[in-house]
C-alpha atoms as a PDB file:
ATOM      1  CA  MET A   1      42.044  31.054  -0.079  1.00  0.00           C
ATOM      2  CA  GLU A   2      39.565  28.144   0.143  1.00  0.00           C
ATOM      3  CA  THR A   3      36.315  28.271  -2.461  1.00  0.00           C
ATOM      4  CA  ASN A   4      32.997  26.656  -2.541  1.00  0.00           C
ATOM      5  CA  GLU A   5      34.389  23.990  -5.262  1.00  0.00           C
ATOM      6  CA  THR A   6      36.938  22.828  -3.085  1.00  0.00           C
ATOM      7  CA  ILE A   7      34.972  22.216   0.563  1.00  0.00           C
ATOM      8  CA  SER A   8      34.301  18.477   0.808  1.00  0.00           C
ATOM      9  CA  GLU A   9      31.706  16.968   2.322  1.00  0.00           C
ATOM     10  CA  HIS A  10      33.389  16.082   5.186  1.00  0.00           C
ATOM     11  CA  ASN A  11      34.130  19.663   5.863  1.00  0.00           C
ATOM     12  CA  LEU A  12      30.431  20.230   6.629  1.00  0.00           C
ATOM     13  CA  PRO A  13      28.914  20.143   9.984  1.00  0.00           C
ATOM     14  CA  GLU A  14      27.149  16.972  10.943  1.00  0.00           C
ATOM     15  CA  LEU A  15      23.307  16.887  11.128  1.00  0.00           C
ATOM     16  CA  GLN A  16      22.424  17.634  14.524  1.00  0.00           C
ATOM     17  CA  ILE A  17      18.972  16.178  15.909  1.00  0.00           C
ATOM     18  CA  THR A  18      17.527  17.982  18.938  1.00  0.00           C
ATOM     19  CA  GLU A  19      15.395  16.691  21.616  1.00  0.00           C
ATOM     20  CA  ASN A  20      12.675  18.190  20.278  1.00  0.00           C
ATOM     21  CA  ALA A  21      12.961  16.347  16.749  1.00  0.00           C
ATOM     22  CA  LYS A  22      13.838  12.952  18.325  1.00  0.00           C
ATOM     23  CA  LYS A  23      10.578  13.242  20.399  1.00  0.00           C
ATOM     24  CA  GLN A  24       8.536  14.245  17.290  1.00  0.00           C
ATOM     25  CA  LEU A  25      10.378  11.249  15.395  1.00  0.00           C
ATOM     26  CA  LYS A  26       9.142   9.223  18.239  1.00  0.00           C
ATOM     27  CA  SER A  27       5.908  10.300  17.684  1.00  0.00           C
ATOM     28  CA  THR A  28       5.840   9.390  14.417  1.00  0.00           C
ATOM     29  CA  THR A  29       6.644   5.763  14.896  1.00  0.00           C
ATOM     30  CA  THR A  30       3.546   5.208  17.114  1.00  0.00           C
ATOM     31  CA  TRP A  31       1.154   6.533  14.464  1.00  0.00           C
ATOM     32  CA  THR A  32       3.201   4.523  11.434  1.00  0.00           C
ATOM     33  CA  ALA A  33       3.355   1.596  13.805  1.00  0.00           C
ATOM     34  CA  PHE A  34      -0.901   2.005  13.705  1.00  0.00           C
ATOM     35  CA  PHE A  35      -1.243   2.377  10.179  1.00  0.00           C
ATOM     36  CA  ALA A  36       1.060  -0.093   9.080  1.00  0.00           C
ATOM     37  CA  VAL A  37      -1.327  -2.778  11.623  1.00  0.00           C
ATOM     38  CA  LEU A  38      -4.278  -1.378   9.885  1.00  0.00           C
ATOM     39  CA  TYR A  39      -3.041  -2.220   6.610  1.00  0.00           C
ATOM     40  CA  PHE A  40      -1.986  -5.549   7.841  1.00  0.00           C
ATOM     41  CA  ILE A  41      -5.243  -6.036   9.110  1.00  0.00           C
ATOM     42  CA  GLY A  42      -6.908  -4.803   5.752  1.00  0.00           C
ATOM     43  CA  ILE A  43      -4.668  -6.917   3.841  1.00  0.00           C
ATOM     44  CA  VAL A  44      -6.093  -9.952   5.608  1.00  0.00           C
ATOM     45  CA  PHE A  45      -9.633  -9.008   5.327  1.00  0.00           C
ATOM     46  CA  LEU A  46      -8.923  -8.450   1.492  1.00  0.00           C
ATOM     47  CA  PHE A  47      -7.292 -11.788   0.732  1.00  0.00           C
ATOM     48  CA  LEU A  48      -9.749 -13.839   3.116  1.00  0.00           C
ATOM     49  CA  SER A  49     -12.462 -11.780   0.995  1.00  0.00           C
ATOM     50  CA  GLY A  50     -10.940 -12.963  -2.031  1.00  0.00           C
ATOM     51  CA  ILE A  51     -10.435 -16.424  -1.537  1.00  0.00           C
ATOM     52  CA  THR A  52     -14.118 -16.898   0.155  1.00  0.00           C
ATOM     53  CA  MET A  53     -15.508 -15.246  -3.557  1.00  0.00           C
ATOM     54  CA  LEU A  54     -13.493 -17.601  -5.254  1.00  0.00           C
ATOM     55  CA  ILE A  55     -14.906 -20.460  -2.930  1.00  0.00           C
ATOM     56  CA  SER A  56     -18.385 -19.285  -2.902  1.00  0.00           C
ATOM     57  CA  ASN A  57     -18.322 -19.005  -6.975  1.00  0.00           C
ATOM     58  CA  SER A  58     -18.713 -22.803  -7.406  1.00  0.00           C
ATOM     59  CA  PHE A  59     -21.735 -22.894  -4.544  1.00  0.00           C
ATOM     60  CA  LEU A  60     -23.349 -19.653  -5.973  1.00  0.00           C
ATOM     61  CA  THR A  61     -23.265 -20.922  -9.629  1.00  0.00           C
ATOM     62  CA  GLY A  62     -24.807 -24.105  -8.455  1.00  0.00           C
ATOM     63  CA  PHE A  63     -27.694 -22.319  -6.592  1.00  0.00           C
ATOM     64  CA  PHE A  64     -28.503 -20.250  -9.443  1.00  0.00           C
ATOM     65  CA  ASP A  65     -28.396 -22.737 -12.122  1.00  0.00           C
ATOM     66  CA  THR A  66     -31.079 -24.597 -10.038  1.00  0.00           C
ATOM     67  CA  PHE A  67     -33.335 -21.580 -10.754  1.00  0.00           C
ATOM     68  CA  SER A  68     -32.175 -19.649 -13.400  1.00  0.00           C
ATOM     69  CA  THR A  69     -29.127 -20.268 -15.912  1.00  0.00           C
ATOM     70  CA  GLU A  70     -29.083 -16.751 -16.887  1.00  0.00           C
ATOM     71  CA  MET A  71     -28.202 -15.249 -13.573  1.00  0.00           C
ATOM     72  CA  GLY A  72     -25.579 -18.077 -12.637  1.00  0.00           C
ATOM     73  CA  ASN A  73     -23.600 -16.882 -16.040  1.00  0.00           C
ATOM     74  CA  VAL A  74     -23.733 -13.283 -14.773  1.00  0.00           C
ATOM     75  CA  PHE A  75     -22.526 -14.193 -11.402  1.00  0.00           C
ATOM     76  CA  SER A  76     -20.069 -16.723 -12.191  1.00  0.00           C
ATOM     77  CA  PRO A  77     -17.390 -14.743 -14.025  1.00  0.00           C
ATOM     78  CA  MET A  78     -17.924 -11.888 -11.427  1.00  0.00           C
ATOM     79  CA  PHE A  79     -17.047 -13.379  -8.397  1.00  0.00           C
ATOM     80  CA  ILE A  80     -14.146 -15.115  -9.943  1.00  0.00           C
ATOM     81  CA  ILE A  81     -12.725 -11.477 -11.343  1.00  0.00           C
ATOM     82  CA  MET A  82     -13.562  -9.781  -8.091  1.00  0.00           C
ATOM     83  CA  GLY A  83     -12.073 -12.703  -5.817  1.00  0.00           C
ATOM     84  CA  ILE A  84      -8.804 -12.599  -8.041  1.00  0.00           C
ATOM     85  CA  LEU A  85      -8.843  -8.802  -7.882  1.00  0.00           C
ATOM     86  CA  TYR A  86      -9.226  -8.765  -4.164  1.00  0.00           C
ATOM     87  CA  ILE A  87      -6.151 -11.259  -3.906  1.00  0.00           C
ATOM     88  CA  VAL A  88      -4.075  -9.158  -6.408  1.00  0.00           C
ATOM     89  CA  ILE A  89      -4.708  -6.052  -4.076  1.00  0.00           C
ATOM     90  CA  ALA A  90      -4.069  -7.557  -0.916  1.00  0.00           C
ATOM     91  CA  VAL A  91      -0.532  -8.578  -2.626  1.00  0.00           C
ATOM     92  CA  ILE A  92      -0.038  -5.477  -3.479  1.00  0.00           C
ATOM     93  CA  MET A  93      -0.669  -3.607  -0.312  1.00  0.00           C
ATOM     94  CA  ILE A  94       1.828  -5.850   1.607  1.00  0.00           C
ATOM     95  CA  PHE A  95       4.576  -3.302   0.359  1.00  0.00           C
ATOM     96  CA  PRO A  96       3.134  -0.238   1.883  1.00  0.00           C
ATOM     97  CA  ALA A  97       2.261  -1.665   4.973  1.00  0.00           C
ATOM     98  CA  LEU A  98       6.207  -3.223   5.376  1.00  0.00           C
ATOM     99  CA  TYR A  99       7.703   0.131   4.736  1.00  0.00           C
ATOM    100  CA  LEU A 100       5.712   1.874   7.161  1.00  0.00           C
ATOM    101  CA  TYR A 101       6.444  -1.011   9.747  1.00  0.00           C
ATOM    102  CA  ARG A 102      10.099  -0.991   9.043  1.00  0.00           C
ATOM    103  CA  TYR A 103       9.919   2.680   9.418  1.00  0.00           C
ATOM    104  CA  SER A 104       8.472   2.670  12.604  1.00  0.00           C
ATOM    105  CA  GLN A 105      10.972  -0.020  13.867  1.00  0.00           C
ATOM    106  CA  LYS A 106      14.056   1.734  12.392  1.00  0.00           C
ATOM    107  CA  ILE A 107      12.977   5.122  14.163  1.00  0.00           C
ATOM    108  CA  LYS A 108      12.766   3.723  17.601  1.00  0.00           C
ATOM    109  CA  GLU A 109      15.947   1.642  17.111  1.00  0.00           C
ATOM    110  CA  ALA A 110      17.892   4.561  15.616  1.00  0.00           C
ATOM    111  CA  LEU A 111      16.732   6.874  18.543  1.00  0.00           C
ATOM    112  CA  ALA A 112      17.474   4.088  21.217  1.00  0.00           C
ATOM    113  CA  GLN A 113      20.741   3.321  19.831  1.00  0.00           C
ATOM    114  CA  ASN A 114      21.602   7.101  18.912  1.00  0.00           C
ATOM    115  CA  ASP A 115      22.676   5.507  15.143  1.00  0.00           C
ATOM    116  CA  SER A 116      22.486   8.041  12.154  1.00  0.00           C
ATOM    117  CA  LEU A 117      22.813   4.741   9.924  1.00  0.00           C
ATOM    118  CA  ILE A 118      19.609   3.063  11.301  1.00  0.00           C
ATOM    119  CA  LEU A 119      17.975   6.757  11.080  1.00  0.00           C
ATOM    120  CA  GLU A 120      18.935   6.855   7.372  1.00  0.00           C
ATOM    121  CA  ASN A 121      17.460   3.200   6.876  1.00  0.00           C
ATOM    122  CA  ALA A 122      14.239   4.721   8.388  1.00  0.00           C
ATOM    123  CA  ILE A 123      14.237   7.395   6.600  1.00  0.00           C
ATOM    124  CA  GLY A 124      14.720   5.329   3.320  1.00  0.00           C
ATOM    125  CA  ASN A 125      11.639   3.065   4.157  1.00  0.00           C
ATOM    126  CA  MET A 126       9.665   6.041   4.243  1.00  0.00           C
ATOM    127  CA  LYS A 127      10.674   7.253   0.734  1.00  0.00           C
ATOM    128  CA  SER A 128      10.053   3.761  -0.391  1.00  0.00           C
ATOM    129  CA  TYR A 129       6.474   4.196   1.104  1.00  0.00           C
ATOM    130  CA  TRP A 130       5.716   7.370  -0.280  1.00  0.00           C
ATOM    131  CA  ARG A 131       7.002   6.561  -3.791  1.00  0.00           C
ATOM    132  CA  PHE A 132       5.198   3.252  -3.740  1.00  0.00           C
ATOM    133  CA  THR A 133       1.667   5.445  -2.664  1.00  0.00           C
ATOM    134  CA  GLY A 134       2.660   7.823  -5.235  1.00  0.00           C
ATOM    135  CA  ILE A 135       3.091   5.274  -8.080  1.00  0.00           C
ATOM    136  CA  LEU A 136       0.132   3.596  -6.922  1.00  0.00           C
ATOM    137  CA  THR A 137      -2.330   6.728  -6.978  1.00  0.00           C
ATOM    138  CA  ILE A 138      -0.867   7.622 -10.579  1.00  0.00           C
ATOM    139  CA  VAL A 139      -1.764   4.022 -11.439  1.00  0.00           C
ATOM    140  CA  TYR A 140      -5.570   4.397  -9.710  1.00  0.00           C
ATOM    141  CA  ILE A 141      -6.163   7.644 -11.546  1.00  0.00           C
ATOM    142  CA  ALA A 142      -5.065   6.417 -14.832  1.00  0.00           C
ATOM    143  CA  LEU A 143      -7.527   3.308 -14.547  1.00  0.00           C
ATOM    144  CA  CYS A 144     -10.462   5.868 -13.566  1.00  0.00           C
ATOM    145  CA  ILE A 145     -10.129   8.101 -16.210  1.00  0.00           C
ATOM    146  CA  ILE A 146      -9.251   4.838 -18.662  1.00  0.00           C
ATOM    147  CA  CYS A 147     -12.454   2.556 -16.972  1.00  0.00           C
ATOM    148  CA  ILE A 148     -14.742   5.381 -16.439  1.00  0.00           C
ATOM    149  CA  PRO A 149     -15.529   6.772 -20.102  1.00  0.00           C
ATOM    150  CA  ALA A 150     -15.181   2.510 -20.919  1.00  0.00           C
ATOM    151  CA  ILE A 151     -18.156   1.620 -18.731  1.00  0.00           C
ATOM    152  CA  ILE A 152     -20.105   4.565 -20.011  1.00  0.00           C
ATOM    153  CA  ILE A 153     -19.830   3.732 -23.294  1.00  0.00           C
ATOM    154  CA  ALA A 154     -20.641  -0.027 -22.576  1.00  0.00           C
ATOM    155  CA  ALA A 155     -23.472   0.979 -20.843  1.00  0.00           C
ATOM    156  CA  ILE A 156     -24.867   3.036 -23.738  1.00  0.00           C
ATOM    157  CA  ALA A 157     -23.904   0.097 -26.189  1.00  0.00           C
ATOM    158  CA  MET A 158     -26.083  -2.082 -24.163  1.00  0.00           C
ATOM    159  CA  VAL A 159     -29.416  -0.417 -24.259  1.00  0.00           C
END
C-alpha cells in the first residue's frame, strides 16, 4: 500500500495551462511591457534631471554669488544632493524595469514555444520584481518614519 510519504514528485500530474490561462498570461505581457517602457522613460528623465542639476549648480552658484552670497550658499549643496539623489534613484529603478521587461518577453517566448522552463524563468522574474518592489517600499517607509520627525525637529530648532 502506497502512502503519501512514498509518492514522489514524478508521480504527481504536471501543471496544465488552459487556453484561457495562456490568454490571460499573454494579456499580462502587454501591460508589463507597457509599464517596463514607462519605467525606462522615467529612468531617463530622472538621470537627465540629475545631470542637469549637477551641471546647472555651477551656473546658478555663479549667478547667486553675483547678487547674494547667502542664496548661493543655500542652493549649491541642495542642487548637488538632489542631482546625486536623482541619479541614484534612476540606477536603482533599472532593476524593477528589467524584471518587468524580462517577464514580458519570457512569457511571450514560453507561450510561443510551449516551454515550461521558459515559463518558470518568466515567473522568477515576476517574483524578483515584487521582491525588489517590496524591499524598496519597506526602505521608503522606514526613511519616512526616520526623516519626517528629523525634519520637524530641525524646523523647530531653527525657529
